Amino acid sequence: MSNIVEILKTLSEAPGISGYEHEVRNVMKNILTPHVDEVTTDGL
């Protein structure tokens, strides 16, 4: 359970104002990469 809390804390602390969400994207990529084969993003 504490892992989920740490993930949520990390995500909520990442700066991500509208139009500048790259930090949130990077955090998500770092969290997901060990669990998936590939992480892709699109322009939206």
C-alpha atoms as a PDB file:
ATOM      1  CA  MET A   1       0.000   0.000   0.000  1.00  0.00           C
ATOM      2  CA  SER A   2       2.780   2.469   0.789  1.00  0.00           C
ATOM      3  CA  ASN A   3       4.075   2.040  -2.771  1.00  0.00           C
ATOM      4  CA  ILE A   4       0.774   3.384  -4.106  1.00  0.00           C
ATOM      5  CA  VAL A   5       0.964   6.320  -1.713  1.00  0.00           C
ATOM      6  CA  GLU A   6       4.519   7.101  -2.846  1.00  0.00           C
ATOM      7  CA  ILE A   7       3.481   6.924  -6.517  1.00  0.00           C
ATOM      8  CA  LEU A   8       0.539   9.250  -5.918  1.00  0.00           C
ATOM      9  CA  LYS A   9       2.742  11.633  -3.929  1.00  0.00           C
ATOM     10  CA  THR A  10       5.335  11.710  -6.716  1.00  0.00           C
ATOM     11  CA  LEU A  11       2.688  12.325  -9.372  1.00  0.00           C
ATOM     12  CA  SER A  12       0.917  15.029  -7.406  1.00  0.00           C
ATOM     13  CA  GLU A  13       4.192  16.857  -6.765  1.00  0.00           C
ATOM     14  CA  ALA A  14       5.279  16.832 -10.422  1.00  0.00           C
ATOM     15  CA  PRO A  15       4.764  20.229 -12.056  1.00  0.00           C
ATOM     16  CA  GLY A  16       2.299  19.916 -14.912  1.00  0.00           C
ATOM     17  CA  ILE A  17       0.417  23.061 -15.760  1.00  0.00           C
ATOM     18  CA  SER A  18      -1.640  22.983 -18.938  1.00  0.00           C
ATOM     19  CA  GLY A  19       0.613  22.824 -21.969  1.00  0.00           C
ATOM     20  CA  TYR A  20       3.718  21.890 -19.967  1.00  0.00           C
ATOM     21  CA  GLU A  21       2.949  18.368 -18.808  1.00  0.00           C
ATOM     22  CA  HIS A  22       6.325  16.887 -19.818  1.00  0.00           C
ATOM     23  CA  GLU A  23       7.421  16.422 -16.192  1.00  0.00           C
ATOM     24  CA  VAL A  24       4.278  14.418 -15.411  1.00  0.00           C
ATOM     25  CA  ARG A  25       4.860  12.394 -18.591  1.00  0.00           C
ATOM     26  CA  ASN A  26       8.431  11.641 -17.520  1.00  0.00           C
ATOM     27  CA  VAL A  27       7.316  10.594 -14.039  1.00  0.00           C
ATOM     28  CA  MET A  28       4.648   8.301 -15.514  1.00  0.00           C
ATOM     29  CA  LYS A  29       7.180   6.819 -17.937  1.00  0.00           C
ATOM     30  CA  ASN A  30       9.621   6.114 -15.100  1.00  0.00           C
ATOM     31  CA  ILE A  31       6.889   4.465 -13.036  1.00  0.00           C
ATOM     32  CA  LEU A  32       5.489   2.364 -15.886  1.00  0.00           C
ATOM     33  CA  THR A  33       8.674   1.332 -17.739  1.00  0.00           C
ATOM     34  CA  PRO A  34       9.588  -1.580 -15.425  1.00  0.00           C
ATOM     35  CA  HIS A  35       6.104  -3.070 -15.887  1.00  0.00           C
ATOM     36  CA  VAL A  36       5.504  -2.793 -19.642  1.00  0.00           C
ATOM     37  CA  ASP A  37       7.237  -3.645 -22.901  1.00  0.00           C
ATOM     38  CA  GLU A  38       6.907  -0.175 -24.393  1.00  0.00           C
ATOM     39  CA  VAL A  39       5.748   3.316 -23.432  1.00  0.00           C
ATOM     40  CA  THR A  40       4.617   5.619 -26.240  1.00  0.00           C
ATOM     41  CA  THR A  41       3.170   9.111 -26.258  1.00  0.00           C
ATOM     42  CA  ASP A  42       1.268  11.142 -28.817  1.00  0.00           C
ATOM     43  CA  GLY A  43       1.027  14.847 -29.460  1.00  0.00           C
ATOM     44  CA  LEU A  44      -2.089  15.331 -27.395  1.00  0.00           C
END
